[in-house]
């Protein structure tokens, strides 16, 4: 069997790029095809991703800063990628990578990080947060997303088999495309994120500062509750808004490297997480360090955190994205015994070696 891997784009090193990195460890030497490759040489080296085959969008000046604005042209650009030499094409997709041009006798597999979020479940939220929920620009944006949604659905049948990164995403695939999928949880680096050190007197959160992560909400919750200390790791477009919500008990650490983040996770009281995520790698990295998690009880967190009442409990859920609900979860957490051993054992369910084994078995099936 010859294999080609298709990825949406390579700009920054995030969860999708970690998935790609582990896929290349499972299938060394496999060529990677993507719309644009503007990822740094350092991230390429760290993730073991060689330079990818790209499209004409690669030559657009400054596209690494504006690539999302080129969304209407991405479906056509994706179809210019030449994957004809492969027997099987594996797409790692959260946008358009699931629909490269393939021959009738090629097998197309999609490891779906999510159906296109801004065209399906998060469309209204995306429009509202972008200020595009009214007026002429809003009407144009809705028309564009409607087109992308129709294209996404019309191309969903080209895929021979889907795998989802969580049961939450498998349900989204079922509702969006009417297709079933197996679940292959994404890889977490449990060999790097390990327990160690003494617990301190602070809580920690780490995230990109974008609206759906609700970092501002976490900061407000701690700012309204002075005795508890919070360290916030990250930055992003909402930086000013997030910092303005903080009080004297909130420390902003900025962007941390992996070693710095691991140290903070090893010595915190708990990791606080307020997003509704497709999977959510950060809470699993925290648990790999033996750290309990206080999380919003929706999305992938329900699959990665063992909640209230279990003998192997690893965290506490809050039911609403409100300050009051977070305060209630903090109080419950502080009266609940949760062990380092339970957190670590739960995180090991998502180890990278397990991901490679499951991915290899799926790709090689029926060949």
Protein backbone atom coordinates (compact mmCIF):
# COMPACT_ATOMS: atom_id res chain seq x y z
CA UNK A 1 0.00 0.00 0.00
CA UNK A 2 1.16 3.52 -0.79
CA UNK A 3 -0.23 6.34 1.33
CA UNK A 4 -0.58 10.12 1.07
CA UNK A 5 -1.64 12.41 3.91
CA UNK A 6 -3.69 15.56 3.33
CA UNK A 7 -3.87 18.31 5.99
CA UNK A 8 -5.80 21.60 5.85
CA UNK A 9 -2.88 23.99 6.38
CA UNK A 10 0.37 24.24 8.32
CA UNK A 11 0.70 27.65 9.97
CA UNK A 12 1.08 27.12 13.72
CA UNK A 13 1.80 23.99 15.73
CA UNK A 14 -1.44 23.00 17.48
CA UNK A 15 -3.46 19.90 18.22
CA UNK A 16 -4.05 19.04 14.55
CA UNK A 17 -0.34 19.27 13.84
CA UNK A 18 0.39 16.94 16.77
CA UNK A 19 -2.01 14.45 15.18
CA UNK A 20 -0.16 14.80 11.87
CA UNK A 21 3.19 14.32 13.62
CA UNK A 22 2.11 11.05 15.21
CA UNK A 23 0.55 9.86 11.94
CA UNK A 24 3.95 10.33 10.29
CA UNK A 25 5.56 8.26 13.05
CA UNK A 26 3.05 5.51 12.27
CA UNK A 27 3.74 5.82 8.53
CA UNK A 28 7.29 7.17 8.12
CA UNK A 29 8.18 8.85 4.86
CA UNK A 30 4.57 9.45 3.81
CA UNK A 31 4.24 12.62 1.68
CA UNK A 32 2.15 15.43 3.18
CA UNK A 33 -0.11 17.63 1.05
CA UNK A 34 -1.64 20.87 2.31
CA UNK A 35 -3.05 24.21 1.13
CA UNK A 36 -0.16 26.27 2.56
CA UNK A 37 2.91 25.48 4.63
CA UNK A 38 4.09 28.51 6.61
CA UNK A 39 4.97 26.70 9.82
CA UNK A 40 8.31 27.62 11.38
CA UNK A 41 11.41 25.53 10.77
CA UNK A 42 11.60 24.94 14.53
CA UNK A 43 8.07 23.48 14.63
CA UNK A 44 8.76 21.41 11.51
CA UNK A 45 11.80 19.90 13.19
CA UNK A 46 10.11 19.33 16.57
CA UNK A 47 7.10 17.62 15.01
CA UNK A 48 9.10 15.68 12.42
CA UNK A 49 7.10 17.12 9.52
CA UNK A 50 9.10 17.64 6.34
CA UNK A 51 8.18 20.39 3.90
CA UNK A 52 4.74 19.65 2.43
CA UNK A 53 3.39 19.74 -1.12
CA UNK A 54 1.28 22.92 -1.36
CA UNK A 55 -1.12 24.77 -3.66
CA UNK A 56 -0.97 28.12 -5.45
CA UNK A 57 -2.16 29.77 -2.22
CA UNK A 58 1.37 29.21 -0.89
CA UNK A 59 2.59 32.06 -3.13
CA UNK A 60 0.09 34.68 -1.89
CA UNK A 61 2.04 37.37 0.00
CA UNK A 62 1.25 37.40 3.72
CA UNK A 63 -1.18 34.50 3.53
CA UNK A 64 0.09 33.11 6.84
CA UNK A 65 -1.68 36.07 8.48
CA UNK A 66 -4.81 36.16 6.30
CA UNK A 67 -5.37 32.54 5.28
CA UNK A 68 -8.83 32.33 6.86
CA UNK A 69 -9.97 35.13 4.54
CA UNK A 70 -9.26 32.83 1.59
CA UNK A 71 -11.84 30.27 2.73
CA UNK A 72 -14.05 30.63 -0.42
CA UNK A 73 -11.13 29.53 -2.62
CA UNK A 74 -9.95 26.67 -0.44
CA UNK A 75 -12.23 23.92 -1.86
CA UNK A 76 -10.97 24.59 -5.39
CA UNK A 77 -7.37 24.86 -4.22
CA UNK A 78 -7.64 21.58 -2.33
CA UNK A 79 -8.63 19.80 -5.54
CA UNK A 80 -5.36 20.87 -7.22
CA UNK A 81 -3.27 18.76 -4.85
CA UNK A 82 -1.85 15.76 -6.70
CA UNK A 83 -2.32 12.60 -4.63
CA UNK A 84 -2.76 10.24 -7.60
CA UNK A 85 0.34 8.19 -6.77
CA UNK A 86 -1.18 6.82 -3.56
CA UNK A 87 -3.41 3.79 -3.13
CA UNK A 88 -4.91 5.29 0.05
CA UNK A 89 -5.33 8.94 0.99
CA UNK A 90 -5.60 9.86 4.67
CA UNK A 91 -7.08 13.30 5.27
CA UNK A 92 -6.68 14.95 8.67
CA UNK A 93 -9.43 17.50 8.41
CA UNK A 94 -11.28 20.22 10.29
CA UNK A 95 -12.10 22.31 7.21
CA UNK A 96 -11.51 21.25 3.58
CA UNK A 97 -8.85 18.51 3.72
CA UNK A 98 -11.48 15.77 3.56
CA UNK A 99 -12.12 16.52 -0.13
CA UNK A 100 -8.99 16.25 -2.29
CA UNK A 101 -9.44 15.03 -5.85
CA UNK A 102 -9.14 11.23 -5.84
CA UNK A 103 -9.60 8.47 -8.42
CA UNK A 104 -12.52 6.06 -8.20
CA UNK A 105 -10.13 3.25 -7.26
CA UNK A 106 -8.40 5.21 -4.48
CA UNK A 107 -9.44 4.77 -0.88
CA UNK A 108 -10.13 8.05 0.94
CA UNK A 109 -10.10 7.98 4.74
CA UNK A 110 -10.90 11.02 6.89
CA UNK A 111 -9.62 11.40 10.43
CA UNK A 112 -12.06 14.15 11.28
CA UNK A 113 -11.00 16.68 13.90
CA UNK A 114 -14.44 18.23 13.36
CA UNK A 115 -16.83 19.00 10.54
CA UNK A 116 -16.23 22.62 9.55
CA UNK A 117 -17.16 24.33 12.84
CA UNK A 118 -18.06 27.76 11.49
CA UNK A 119 -20.36 26.26 8.88
CA UNK A 120 -22.22 23.95 11.28
CA UNK A 121 -22.59 24.02 15.07
CA UNK A 122 -20.62 27.21 15.75
CA UNK A 123 -21.89 29.30 12.83
CA UNK A 124 -24.01 31.73 14.88
CA UNK A 125 -21.29 32.07 17.53
CA UNK A 126 -18.66 32.74 14.85
CA UNK A 127 -20.79 35.43 13.19
CA UNK A 128 -21.60 37.10 16.51
CA UNK A 129 -18.01 37.12 17.77
CA UNK A 130 -16.80 38.49 14.41
CA UNK A 131 -19.41 41.27 14.42
CA UNK A 132 -21.00 39.77 11.31
CA UNK A 133 -24.43 38.92 12.71
CA UNK A 134 -26.17 41.91 11.09
CA UNK A 135 -25.97 44.37 8.19
CA UNK A 136 -24.71 43.92 4.63
CA UNK A 137 -21.43 42.29 5.68
CA UNK A 138 -23.39 39.94 7.90
CA UNK A 139 -25.64 38.91 5.00
CA UNK A 140 -22.56 38.26 2.84
CA UNK A 141 -20.91 36.23 5.59
CA UNK A 142 -24.05 34.12 6.11
CA UNK A 143 -24.24 33.48 2.36
CA UNK A 144 -20.59 32.39 2.31
CA UNK A 145 -21.02 30.04 5.26
CA UNK A 146 -24.19 28.64 3.71
CA UNK A 147 -22.18 27.90 0.53
CA UNK A 148 -19.40 26.26 2.56
CA UNK A 149 -21.92 24.18 4.46
CA UNK A 150 -23.52 22.97 1.21
CA UNK A 151 -20.09 22.19 -0.23
CA UNK A 152 -19.05 20.38 2.96
CA UNK A 153 -22.14 18.20 2.89
CA UNK A 154 -21.95 17.52 -0.86
CA UNK A 155 -18.36 16.27 -0.58
CA UNK A 156 -18.90 14.18 2.55
CA UNK A 157 -19.92 11.17 0.46
CA UNK A 158 -16.52 10.99 -1.25
CA UNK A 159 -14.97 9.68 1.95
CA UNK A 160 -14.91 5.89 2.21
CA UNK A 161 -14.58 5.82 6.01
CA UNK A 162 -14.54 8.36 8.82
CA UNK A 163 -12.78 8.27 12.16
CA UNK A 164 -13.60 10.89 14.79
CA UNK A 165 -11.36 12.23 17.57
CA UNK A 166 -14.11 11.81 20.19
CA UNK A 167 -17.63 10.51 20.63
CA UNK A 168 -18.68 14.17 20.68
CA UNK A 169 -17.29 14.63 17.15
CA UNK A 170 -18.69 11.27 15.99
CA UNK A 171 -22.12 12.60 16.93
CA UNK A 172 -21.42 15.84 15.05
CA UNK A 173 -20.39 13.83 11.95
CA UNK A 174 -23.61 11.81 12.23
CA UNK A 175 -25.74 14.96 12.44
CA UNK A 176 -23.87 16.87 9.73
CA UNK A 177 -23.14 14.15 7.17
CA UNK A 178 -25.40 11.27 8.13
CA UNK A 179 -22.31 9.04 8.39
CA UNK A 180 -21.06 6.72 11.11
CA UNK A 181 -17.45 6.83 12.32
CA UNK A 182 -15.16 4.97 14.67
CA UNK A 183 -13.45 6.93 17.48
CA UNK A 184 -9.66 7.25 17.53
CA UNK A 185 -8.73 9.62 20.34
CA UNK A 186 -5.89 12.02 19.44
CA UNK A 187 -2.40 11.56 20.90
CA UNK A 188 -1.27 13.19 24.14
CA UNK A 189 2.43 13.33 25.04
CA UNK A 190 2.20 11.45 28.32
CA UNK A 191 5.94 10.72 28.17
CA UNK A 192 6.73 14.44 28.46
CA UNK A 193 3.87 15.50 30.74
CA UNK A 194 4.55 13.56 33.94
CA UNK A 195 4.06 14.15 37.68
CA UNK A 196 6.81 15.73 39.76
CA UNK A 197 7.34 18.40 42.40
CA UNK A 198 5.31 19.63 45.35
CA UNK A 199 1.84 21.13 45.02
CA UNK A 200 1.63 24.90 45.35
CA UNK A 201 -1.20 27.18 46.42
CA UNK A 202 -2.40 28.29 42.95
CA UNK A 203 -4.75 27.18 40.18
CA UNK A 204 -3.70 27.33 36.54
CA UNK A 205 -5.33 27.70 33.13
CA UNK A 206 -3.59 27.65 29.74
CA UNK A 207 -5.17 28.57 26.45
CA UNK A 208 -5.21 30.75 23.40
CA UNK A 209 -7.12 33.95 24.25
CA UNK A 210 -10.03 33.59 21.81
CA UNK A 211 -13.73 33.93 22.67
CA UNK A 212 -14.81 30.29 22.68
CA UNK A 213 -12.07 29.35 25.17
CA UNK A 214 -13.73 31.63 27.79
CA UNK A 215 -10.45 32.56 29.47
CA UNK A 216 -11.96 35.91 30.43
CA UNK A 217 -14.70 34.07 32.32
CA UNK A 218 -12.14 32.07 34.32
CA UNK A 219 -10.20 35.24 35.14
CA UNK A 220 -13.38 37.04 36.24
CA UNK A 221 -14.33 34.09 38.44
CA UNK A 222 -11.00 34.28 40.27
CA UNK A 223 -10.97 38.09 40.27
CA UNK A 224 -14.29 38.00 42.11
CA UNK A 225 -12.90 35.50 44.61
CA UNK A 226 -9.75 37.07 46.03
CA UNK A 227 -8.32 34.34 48.31
CA UNK A 228 -7.69 31.90 45.44
CA UNK A 229 -4.64 32.47 43.22
CA UNK A 230 -4.74 31.88 39.47
CA UNK A 231 -1.87 31.72 36.97
CA UNK A 232 -2.95 32.28 33.36
CA UNK A 233 -0.77 30.93 30.54
CA UNK A 234 -1.30 32.11 26.97
CA UNK A 235 -2.07 35.08 24.76
CA UNK A 236 -4.20 35.91 21.76
CA UNK A 237 -6.63 38.38 20.17
CA UNK A 238 -8.57 38.86 23.44
CA UNK A 239 -5.44 39.66 25.45
CA UNK A 240 -6.52 43.15 26.56
CA UNK A 241 -10.01 41.98 27.54
CA UNK A 242 -8.69 38.99 29.50
CA UNK A 243 -6.10 41.06 31.38
CA UNK A 244 -8.66 43.75 32.21
CA UNK A 245 -10.77 41.13 34.01
CA UNK A 246 -7.99 40.15 36.40
CA UNK A 247 -7.44 41.15 40.00
CA UNK A 248 -4.36 41.16 42.25
CA UNK A 249 -4.69 37.40 42.78
CA UNK A 250 -4.38 36.68 39.03
CA UNK A 251 -0.93 36.37 37.43
CA UNK A 252 -0.47 36.47 33.66
CA UNK A 253 2.49 34.32 32.60
CA UNK A 254 2.22 35.00 28.87
CA UNK A 255 3.14 32.34 26.36
CA UNK A 256 5.05 29.52 28.05
CA UNK A 257 7.21 26.85 26.43
CA UNK A 258 6.49 23.18 27.10
CA UNK A 259 8.96 22.91 29.97
CA UNK A 260 7.54 25.97 31.72
CA UNK A 261 3.97 24.74 31.25
CA UNK A 262 4.87 21.31 32.63
CA UNK A 263 6.39 22.89 35.75
CA UNK A 264 3.25 24.94 36.36
CA UNK A 265 1.01 21.89 35.88
CA UNK A 266 3.08 19.76 38.23
CA UNK A 267 2.84 22.25 41.08
CA UNK A 268 -0.71 23.64 40.79
CA UNK A 269 -3.80 22.69 42.81
CA UNK A 270 -5.99 22.15 39.72
CA UNK A 271 -6.32 23.05 36.05
CA UNK A 272 -9.36 25.19 35.14
CA UNK A 273 -10.97 24.73 31.71
CA UNK A 274 -14.11 26.54 30.49
CA UNK A 275 -14.35 25.69 26.76
CA UNK A 276 -16.67 23.26 25.01
CA UNK A 277 -13.96 21.45 23.07
CA UNK A 278 -14.04 18.74 20.43
CA UNK A 279 -11.56 16.76 22.54
CA UNK A 280 -9.38 19.12 24.59
CA UNK A 281 -5.73 18.10 24.90
CA UNK A 282 -4.79 20.59 27.64
CA UNK A 283 -6.91 18.92 30.38
CA UNK A 284 -5.36 15.55 29.52
CA UNK A 285 -1.84 17.01 29.67
CA UNK A 286 -2.74 18.36 33.11
CA UNK A 287 -3.95 14.95 34.27
CA UNK A 288 -0.77 13.37 32.87
CA UNK A 289 1.07 15.60 35.37
CA UNK A 290 -1.18 14.22 38.12
CA UNK A 291 -3.24 17.41 38.21
CA UNK A 292 -7.04 17.38 38.73
CA UNK A 293 -9.22 19.39 36.33
CA UNK A 294 -12.15 21.72 36.97
CA UNK A 295 -13.99 21.82 33.63
CA UNK A 296 -17.14 22.87 31.84
CA UNK A 297 -19.19 19.70 31.62
CA UNK A 298 -19.80 19.54 27.88
CA UNK A 299 -17.96 18.35 24.79
CA UNK A 300 -14.84 16.23 24.87
CA UNK A 301 -14.17 16.92 28.55
CA UNK A 302 -16.90 14.43 29.45
CA UNK A 303 -14.80 11.73 27.77
CA UNK A 304 -11.39 12.70 29.15
CA UNK A 305 -12.16 13.61 32.77
CA UNK A 306 -13.61 11.21 35.36
CA UNK A 307 -16.21 13.26 37.18
CA UNK A 308 -18.05 13.44 40.46
CA UNK A 309 -18.78 10.26 42.39
CA UNK A 310 -16.29 7.89 40.78
CA UNK A 311 -13.72 6.04 42.87
CA UNK A 312 -11.15 7.05 40.23
CA UNK A 313 -12.29 10.68 40.04
CA UNK A 314 -9.93 13.07 38.26
CA UNK A 315 -11.93 16.29 38.22
CA UNK A 316 -15.05 18.32 38.91
CA UNK A 317 -17.49 19.67 36.31
CA UNK A 318 -19.43 22.93 36.31
CA UNK A 319 -22.76 23.02 34.50
CA UNK A 320 -22.83 26.58 33.16
CA UNK A 321 -20.28 29.01 31.77
CA UNK A 322 -20.84 31.50 34.58
CA UNK A 323 -18.83 32.90 37.48
CA UNK A 324 -21.26 31.37 39.98
CA UNK A 325 -21.02 27.92 38.44
CA UNK A 326 -17.20 28.02 38.53
CA UNK A 327 -17.28 29.14 42.18
CA UNK A 328 -19.53 26.20 43.03
CA UNK A 329 -17.15 23.79 41.27
CA UNK A 330 -14.17 25.25 43.15
CA UNK A 331 -15.92 24.69 46.48
CA UNK A 332 -16.79 21.12 45.57
CA UNK A 333 -13.26 20.45 44.35
CA UNK A 334 -11.72 21.69 47.59
CA UNK A 335 -13.71 19.14 49.59
CA UNK A 336 -13.05 16.23 47.21
CA UNK A 337 -9.99 13.96 47.51
CA UNK A 338 -8.44 13.34 44.08
CA UNK A 339 -5.15 11.48 43.75
CA UNK A 340 -2.17 12.01 41.48
CA UNK A 341 -2.31 8.31 40.64
CA UNK A 342 -5.92 8.46 39.41
CA UNK A 343 -5.20 11.47 37.21
CA UNK A 344 -2.10 9.89 35.71
CA UNK A 345 -3.80 6.55 35.03
CA UNK A 346 -6.69 8.27 33.26
CA UNK A 347 -4.34 10.33 31.07
CA UNK A 348 -2.45 7.23 29.97
CA UNK A 349 -5.58 6.09 28.10
CA UNK A 350 -4.71 8.77 25.53
CA UNK A 351 -0.99 8.06 25.08
CA UNK A 352 0.59 8.61 21.66
CA UNK A 353 1.55 4.93 21.27
CA UNK A 354 -2.11 3.94 21.60
CA UNK A 355 -3.04 6.48 18.89
CA UNK A 356 -0.43 5.12 16.48
CA UNK A 357 -1.57 1.54 17.04
CA UNK A 358 -5.25 2.36 16.42
CA UNK A 359 -4.51 4.57 13.40
CA UNK A 360 -2.27 1.94 11.82
CA UNK A 361 -4.89 -0.79 12.28
CA UNK A 362 -7.58 1.41 10.70
CA UNK A 363 -5.52 2.52 7.70
CA UNK A 364 -4.23 -0.99 7.02
CA UNK A 365 -7.63 -2.66 7.33
CA UNK A 366 -8.79 -4.44 4.16
CA UNK A 367 -5.48 -3.85 2.34
